[in-house]
C-alpha cells in the first residue's frame, strides 16, 4: 500500500526532477520545506490558483489522464490571459484512496502538458479525503507588458480566440440535456476535458492588446469583468461569435446558451485598438490560433451609466438577453 511520501516520490517527485533543467525555473524545487523561485530578470511573477472539485468541476468517472491535463491547463490559461510565460507550479490534492493506475494516468496527463510549456512542478501537498485538486502556477511577465482587465479603452475591438461553446455542449451531453452524433460528441467531450491554454497567443499579444482574460465562466459573465474593471460598456454581435461546425449542428437556442453563458472554454477574450487589427490577425496566424472580432468597447455616457453588454445581431438590431456566467456556488 502506498504511503503519502512513496506516492509523492513515485508519481510526482521523480517526474519533477527529470523535468527540471539546471534549476532554470525553480531555484529549489521538491524536497525542502519551501521551493525557491525567482522571476526572469526585469520581470514580475504572475501567480494564479485554481481548485477543481469532484462533482462541481468534473464528473467522478472522468479519464484521470484528461483530468491531469485540465487541472494544469486551467491555470496555464490564467497566465496566457496575462501575457505571462509559465515557469513553475505547485500541486495540492486530496484522494479517497491511493489508486496506482489512477495516479499514473493523472500524472501522465499533468506532466505531458507541463513539459510542453516548460512549467516545472516545484512542490505541493497530498492527503486523504474527497477528490479535490488545487494548483498554483507561477509565470513571468515584464511589468508594462502584462495584459490586465482594467486596460480596455473606448473604441477598442473585442476579440475571441478559437471557438466558444463546445465545452458547455459536452456538459449538456453528459447531463442528457441534448444529443449529438458520435463525431460531434467526441468534439464536445474533448473541449470539456482537454482545454488548450492559449499561452503562445497571450505572449504574442504583448504590446498589441490592451485588456484580456480567459473565458472560464462564460462570455456574458467574463467580458463584464473587463467592463467593470475598466469602467466601460460593450456592444457584441452574437452572430460573429466563433463556434465550431459541431456546435452549429445544434439548435440556435442551445448554441446561444453554450456560446454566451456556457463557460469552461478557456479561450482568450481581449481588447485592442482598431488600428491594431492587422497586428492581432498576424499574431493569431503566427501561433496558429484563429482570432475573431466580435464587438466594440465604448465609454460610459453619463455618471448614471453602469458597465454593461449590449447584444446585437448581424444586422445591428438590439437583442434582449438575460444571461449570466457560471457561479461556483450555484449549479448551472
Protein backbone atom coordinates (compact mmCIF):
# COMPACT_ATOMS: atom_id res chain seq x y z
CA UNK A 1 0.00 0.00 0.00
CA UNK A 2 1.33 3.43 -0.94
CA UNK A 3 2.23 5.86 1.83
CA UNK A 4 1.94 9.63 1.36
CA UNK A 5 5.66 10.03 0.70
CA UNK A 6 6.02 6.99 -1.57
CA UNK A 7 3.04 8.27 -3.57
CA UNK A 8 4.65 11.70 -3.99
CA UNK A 9 8.04 10.24 -4.87
CA UNK A 10 6.80 7.65 -7.36
CA UNK A 11 4.26 9.67 -9.33
CA UNK A 12 5.36 13.29 -8.89
CA UNK A 13 8.79 14.00 -7.38
CA UNK A 14 10.71 11.75 -9.78
CA UNK A 15 8.90 13.25 -12.77
CA UNK A 16 9.57 16.76 -11.45
CA UNK A 17 13.28 16.00 -11.05
CA UNK A 18 13.50 14.66 -14.59
CA UNK A 19 11.59 17.70 -15.82
CA UNK A 20 13.93 20.23 -14.19
CA UNK A 21 16.67 21.72 -16.38
CA UNK A 22 19.52 23.08 -14.29
CA UNK A 23 17.05 24.78 -11.97
CA UNK A 24 16.18 27.27 -14.71
CA UNK A 25 12.66 27.76 -13.37
CA UNK A 26 12.80 26.66 -9.74
CA UNK A 27 15.97 27.66 -7.89
CA UNK A 28 15.00 24.95 -5.41
CA UNK A 29 12.20 22.52 -6.12
CA UNK A 30 10.69 19.49 -4.40
CA UNK A 31 12.47 18.14 -1.32
CA UNK A 32 12.67 21.03 1.14
CA UNK A 33 10.21 22.92 3.33
CA UNK A 34 9.76 25.57 0.65
CA UNK A 35 10.58 25.95 -3.02
CA UNK A 36 12.69 28.92 -4.05
CA UNK A 37 11.59 30.73 -7.19
CA UNK A 38 12.74 33.91 -8.90
CA UNK A 39 11.22 35.70 -11.92
CA UNK A 40 13.25 36.29 -15.02
CA UNK A 41 15.49 39.35 -14.90
CA UNK A 42 13.48 42.58 -15.18
CA UNK A 43 10.16 40.77 -14.92
CA UNK A 44 7.47 40.23 -12.29
CA UNK A 45 5.91 37.00 -11.05
CA UNK A 46 2.38 36.28 -12.24
CA UNK A 47 0.63 33.90 -9.81
CA UNK A 48 -2.74 32.15 -10.07
CA UNK A 49 -4.54 29.41 -8.14
CA UNK A 50 -7.43 27.22 -9.29
CA UNK A 51 -9.26 24.45 -7.48
CA UNK A 52 -11.11 21.57 -9.16
CA UNK A 53 -13.67 19.72 -7.03
CA UNK A 54 -15.26 16.42 -7.98
CA UNK A 55 -18.97 16.87 -8.67
CA UNK A 56 -18.60 20.62 -9.21
CA UNK A 57 -15.88 20.87 -11.87
CA UNK A 58 -15.62 17.30 -13.15
CA UNK A 59 -17.51 14.00 -13.04
CA UNK A 60 -16.34 11.09 -10.89
CA UNK A 61 -15.78 8.87 -13.94
CA UNK A 62 -13.60 11.35 -15.87
CA UNK A 63 -10.49 9.93 -17.54
CA UNK A 64 -7.72 10.64 -14.98
CA UNK A 65 -5.21 11.49 -17.74
CA UNK A 66 -7.61 14.12 -19.08
CA UNK A 67 -8.14 15.39 -15.54
CA UNK A 68 -4.38 15.79 -15.05
CA UNK A 69 -4.25 17.80 -18.27
CA UNK A 70 -7.20 20.02 -17.36
CA UNK A 71 -6.05 20.65 -13.78
CA UNK A 72 -2.93 22.37 -15.10
CA UNK A 73 -4.49 23.76 -18.29
CA UNK A 74 -6.97 25.98 -16.43
CA UNK A 75 -4.07 27.56 -14.52
CA UNK A 76 -1.87 28.00 -17.58
CA UNK A 77 -4.87 29.71 -19.20
CA UNK A 78 -4.72 32.38 -16.48
CA UNK A 79 -1.07 33.02 -17.33
CA UNK A 80 -1.99 33.22 -21.01
CA UNK A 81 -4.57 35.89 -20.22
CA UNK A 82 -1.87 37.99 -18.55
CA UNK A 83 0.67 37.51 -21.33
CA UNK A 84 2.91 35.64 -18.88
CA UNK A 85 5.47 32.93 -19.64
CA UNK A 86 4.91 29.79 -17.49
CA UNK A 87 7.68 28.91 -15.03
CA UNK A 88 6.53 26.53 -12.31
CA UNK A 89 3.56 25.18 -10.36
CA UNK A 90 2.59 23.50 -7.11
CA UNK A 91 0.03 20.73 -6.71
CA UNK A 92 -2.06 20.03 -3.61
CA UNK A 93 -4.75 17.36 -3.64
CA UNK A 94 -6.83 15.03 -1.50
CA UNK A 95 -7.60 11.49 -2.67
CA UNK A 96 -10.22 9.00 -1.46
CA UNK A 97 -7.63 6.23 -1.95
CA UNK A 98 -4.14 5.78 -3.39
CA UNK A 99 -5.08 4.06 -6.66
CA UNK A 100 -1.83 3.43 -8.54
CA UNK A 101 -3.41 3.13 -12.00
CA UNK A 102 -5.36 6.37 -11.46
CA UNK A 103 -2.27 8.20 -10.20
CA UNK A 104 -0.14 7.02 -13.13
CA UNK A 105 -2.68 8.25 -15.67
CA UNK A 106 -3.30 11.53 -13.83
CA UNK A 107 0.40 12.34 -13.54
CA UNK A 108 0.96 11.43 -17.21
CA UNK A 109 -1.67 13.95 -18.30
CA UNK A 110 -0.33 16.58 -15.92
CA UNK A 111 3.33 16.27 -16.90
CA UNK A 112 2.67 15.97 -20.64
CA UNK A 113 1.19 19.48 -20.59
CA UNK A 114 3.72 20.82 -18.07
CA UNK A 115 6.65 19.67 -20.19
CA UNK A 116 5.13 21.15 -23.35
CA UNK A 117 5.04 24.57 -21.67
CA UNK A 118 8.31 24.31 -19.71
CA UNK A 119 6.43 24.56 -16.42
CA UNK A 120 8.16 22.73 -13.55
CA UNK A 121 6.44 21.09 -10.55
CA UNK A 122 8.20 22.56 -7.50
CA UNK A 123 6.10 21.38 -4.53
CA UNK A 124 2.69 20.77 -3.03
CA UNK A 125 0.85 18.53 -0.58
CA UNK A 126 -1.39 15.46 -0.51
CA UNK A 127 -3.83 13.93 1.97
CA UNK A 128 -6.76 11.55 2.16
CA UNK A 129 -10.27 12.85 1.56
CA UNK A 130 -12.80 13.64 -1.19
CA UNK A 131 -11.15 14.14 -4.58
CA UNK A 132 -10.06 17.77 -4.72
CA UNK A 133 -7.23 19.27 -6.80
CA UNK A 134 -5.59 22.65 -6.24
CA UNK A 135 -2.79 24.03 -8.43
CA UNK A 136 -0.91 27.29 -8.04
CA UNK A 137 1.00 28.36 -11.13
CA UNK A 138 3.82 30.89 -11.44
CA UNK A 139 4.75 32.84 -14.55
CA UNK A 140 6.92 35.77 -15.52
CA UNK A 141 5.99 38.95 -17.38
CA UNK A 142 7.54 42.40 -17.90
CA UNK A 143 5.58 44.91 -15.77
CA UNK A 144 4.43 47.04 -18.71
CA UNK A 145 3.58 44.03 -20.88
CA UNK A 146 1.03 42.38 -18.58
CA UNK A 147 -2.47 42.15 -20.10
CA UNK A 148 -4.82 43.39 -17.37
CA UNK A 149 -8.59 43.50 -17.06
CA UNK A 150 -8.62 47.22 -16.28
CA UNK A 151 -6.97 48.42 -19.50
CA UNK A 152 -9.80 48.44 -22.08
CA UNK A 153 -10.15 51.74 -23.95
CA UNK A 154 -13.04 53.41 -25.83
CA UNK A 155 -13.04 52.32 -29.46
CA UNK A 156 -11.22 49.04 -28.75
CA UNK A 157 -12.29 45.99 -30.71
CA UNK A 158 -13.31 42.92 -28.73
CA UNK A 159 -11.67 39.69 -29.90
CA UNK A 160 -12.11 35.98 -29.13
CA UNK A 161 -9.59 33.19 -29.74
CA UNK A 162 -10.68 29.80 -31.05
CA UNK A 163 -14.36 28.91 -30.78
CA UNK A 164 -16.83 29.08 -27.90
CA UNK A 165 -19.50 26.74 -26.58
CA UNK A 166 -18.17 23.23 -27.22
CA UNK A 167 -17.29 22.56 -23.59
CA UNK A 168 -20.80 23.52 -22.41
CA UNK A 169 -22.24 21.38 -25.19
CA UNK A 170 -20.19 18.49 -23.84
CA UNK A 171 -21.52 19.07 -20.35
CA UNK A 172 -25.06 19.13 -21.72
CA UNK A 173 -24.49 15.78 -23.39
CA UNK A 174 -23.27 14.24 -20.14
CA UNK A 175 -26.30 15.66 -18.36
CA UNK A 176 -28.57 14.29 -21.14
CA UNK A 177 -29.85 17.81 -21.86
CA UNK A 178 -29.47 17.22 -25.63
CA UNK A 179 -27.92 14.71 -28.03
CA UNK A 180 -25.39 14.65 -30.88
CA UNK A 181 -23.83 12.10 -33.22
CA UNK A 182 -20.66 10.24 -32.30
CA UNK A 183 -18.24 12.57 -34.07
CA UNK A 184 -19.73 15.74 -32.58
CA UNK A 185 -19.93 14.09 -29.17
CA UNK A 186 -16.18 13.41 -29.34
CA UNK A 187 -15.55 17.05 -30.29
CA UNK A 188 -17.59 18.34 -27.37
CA UNK A 189 -16.09 15.91 -24.87
CA UNK A 190 -12.54 16.82 -25.85
CA UNK A 191 -13.33 20.52 -25.45
CA UNK A 192 -14.72 19.88 -21.97
CA UNK A 193 -11.97 17.57 -20.76
CA UNK A 194 -8.87 18.83 -22.60
CA UNK A 195 -8.93 22.61 -23.00
CA UNK A 196 -5.88 24.12 -24.71
CA UNK A 197 -4.35 27.08 -22.81
CA UNK A 198 -3.55 29.89 -25.26
CA UNK A 199 -0.14 30.66 -23.80
CA UNK A 200 1.56 31.36 -27.14
CA UNK A 201 -1.20 33.76 -28.16
CA UNK A 202 -1.02 35.62 -24.86
CA UNK A 203 2.70 36.13 -25.37
CA UNK A 204 2.16 37.23 -28.99
CA UNK A 205 -0.40 39.85 -27.87
CA UNK A 206 2.08 41.68 -25.63
CA UNK A 207 2.27 45.28 -26.79
CA UNK A 208 -0.79 44.80 -29.05
CA UNK A 209 -3.79 44.05 -26.82
CA UNK A 210 -5.00 46.36 -24.07
CA UNK A 211 -7.11 44.19 -21.75
CA UNK A 212 -7.58 40.41 -21.60
CA UNK A 213 -8.93 37.49 -19.61
CA UNK A 214 -9.62 33.82 -20.18
CA UNK A 215 -13.18 32.60 -20.62
CA UNK A 216 -13.70 30.19 -17.75
CA UNK A 217 -17.22 31.16 -16.67
CA UNK A 218 -18.85 32.20 -19.95
CA UNK A 219 -18.57 35.23 -22.25
CA UNK A 220 -21.51 37.08 -20.70
CA UNK A 221 -20.01 36.98 -17.22
CA UNK A 222 -16.32 37.19 -18.06
CA UNK A 223 -16.49 40.11 -20.52
CA UNK A 224 -18.43 42.01 -17.86
CA UNK A 225 -15.37 41.64 -15.58
CA UNK A 226 -13.29 43.60 -18.10
CA UNK A 227 -16.02 46.25 -18.38
CA UNK A 228 -16.35 46.62 -14.62
CA UNK A 229 -12.61 46.89 -14.05
CA UNK A 230 -12.16 49.29 -16.99
CA UNK A 231 -15.41 51.24 -16.34
CA UNK A 232 -16.60 50.72 -19.91
CA UNK A 233 -19.51 49.36 -21.90
CA UNK A 234 -19.53 46.94 -24.83
CA UNK A 235 -21.56 46.08 -27.89
CA UNK A 236 -21.31 42.47 -29.08
CA UNK A 237 -22.56 40.91 -32.32
CA UNK A 238 -23.73 37.46 -31.23
CA UNK A 239 -23.72 36.21 -34.84
CA UNK A 240 -19.99 36.96 -35.06
CA UNK A 241 -19.10 34.80 -32.04
CA UNK A 242 -16.96 31.93 -33.37
CA UNK A 243 -18.37 28.43 -32.97
CA UNK A 244 -17.41 25.03 -34.28
CA UNK A 245 -19.16 23.16 -37.07
CA UNK A 246 -20.27 20.63 -34.45
CA UNK A 247 -21.95 23.30 -32.33
CA UNK A 248 -23.66 24.80 -35.39
CA UNK A 249 -25.46 21.48 -35.84
CA UNK A 250 -27.28 22.00 -32.54
CA UNK A 251 -30.35 24.22 -32.28
CA UNK A 252 -29.91 28.03 -32.29
CA UNK A 253 -31.17 28.25 -28.69
CA UNK A 254 -28.58 25.71 -27.49
CA UNK A 255 -25.85 27.45 -29.48
CA UNK A 256 -26.66 30.77 -27.84
CA UNK A 257 -26.75 29.25 -24.36
CA UNK A 258 -23.42 27.48 -24.86
CA UNK A 259 -21.50 30.33 -26.50
CA UNK A 260 -22.70 33.19 -24.30
CA UNK A 261 -23.10 31.63 -20.86
CA UNK A 262 -21.52 28.19 -21.07
CA UNK A 263 -18.09 28.51 -19.51
CA UNK A 264 -15.12 26.13 -19.47
CA UNK A 265 -13.91 27.38 -22.88
CA UNK A 266 -10.53 28.73 -21.67
CA UNK A 267 -10.22 30.83 -24.81
CA UNK A 268 -8.90 34.39 -24.57
CA UNK A 269 -11.20 37.39 -24.72
CA UNK A 270 -9.20 40.57 -25.29
CA UNK A 271 -9.49 44.15 -26.47
CA UNK A 272 -7.20 46.01 -28.85
CA UNK A 273 -7.35 49.32 -30.71
CA UNK A 274 -8.95 49.28 -34.16
CA UNK A 275 -5.58 50.35 -35.60
CA UNK A 276 -4.12 47.01 -34.40
CA UNK A 277 -6.44 44.73 -36.38
CA UNK A 278 -3.73 43.61 -38.78
CA UNK A 279 -1.31 43.04 -35.88
CA UNK A 280 -3.87 40.94 -33.97
CA UNK A 281 -4.59 38.81 -37.03
CA UNK A 282 -0.86 38.35 -37.65
CA UNK A 283 -0.31 37.29 -34.02
CA UNK A 284 -3.04 34.68 -34.39
CA UNK A 285 -1.57 33.32 -37.61
CA UNK A 286 1.93 33.13 -36.15
CA UNK A 287 0.79 30.89 -33.27
CA UNK A 288 -1.83 29.05 -35.37
CA UNK A 289 -4.79 30.21 -33.28
CA UNK A 290 -7.82 31.74 -35.04
CA UNK A 291 -8.96 35.11 -33.68
CA UNK A 292 -12.34 36.72 -34.34
CA UNK A 293 -13.53 40.28 -33.81
CA UNK A 294 -16.97 40.26 -32.14
CA UNK A 295 -17.65 43.75 -30.81
CA UNK A 296 -16.59 47.16 -29.61
CA UNK A 297 -15.75 48.88 -26.33
CA UNK A 298 -17.33 52.27 -25.59
CA UNK A 299 -17.15 54.81 -22.77
CA UNK A 300 -19.95 55.33 -20.27
CA UNK A 301 -22.08 58.23 -21.49
CA UNK A 302 -23.34 59.57 -18.16
CA UNK A 303 -22.46 59.29 -14.49
CA UNK A 304 -25.55 57.14 -14.03
CA UNK A 305 -24.45 54.54 -16.61
CA UNK A 306 -23.03 51.24 -15.45
CA UNK A 307 -20.77 48.75 -17.24
CA UNK A 308 -22.96 46.52 -19.40
CA UNK A 309 -23.03 44.50 -22.61
CA UNK A 310 -25.36 45.45 -25.45
CA UNK A 311 -26.12 42.37 -27.54
CA UNK A 312 -26.81 42.82 -31.27
CA UNK A 313 -27.48 40.54 -34.23
CA UNK A 314 -25.58 40.72 -37.53
CA UNK A 315 -27.93 43.43 -38.80
CA UNK A 316 -27.26 45.57 -35.72
CA UNK A 317 -30.70 45.02 -34.18
CA UNK A 318 -30.62 45.02 -30.35
CA UNK A 319 -31.37 41.76 -28.53
CA UNK A 320 -32.79 41.48 -25.04
CA UNK A 321 -30.94 38.61 -23.37
CA UNK A 322 -30.91 37.53 -19.74
CA UNK A 323 -27.51 35.92 -19.29
CA UNK A 324 -25.01 35.31 -16.54
CA UNK A 325 -21.78 33.40 -16.20
CA UNK A 326 -21.16 30.23 -14.23
CA UNK A 327 -21.46 30.68 -10.45
CA UNK A 328 -19.36 28.25 -8.41
CA UNK A 329 -21.89 28.31 -5.56
CA UNK A 330 -24.94 27.68 -7.74
CA UNK A 331 -25.35 24.91 -10.31
CA UNK A 332 -25.78 25.89 -13.97
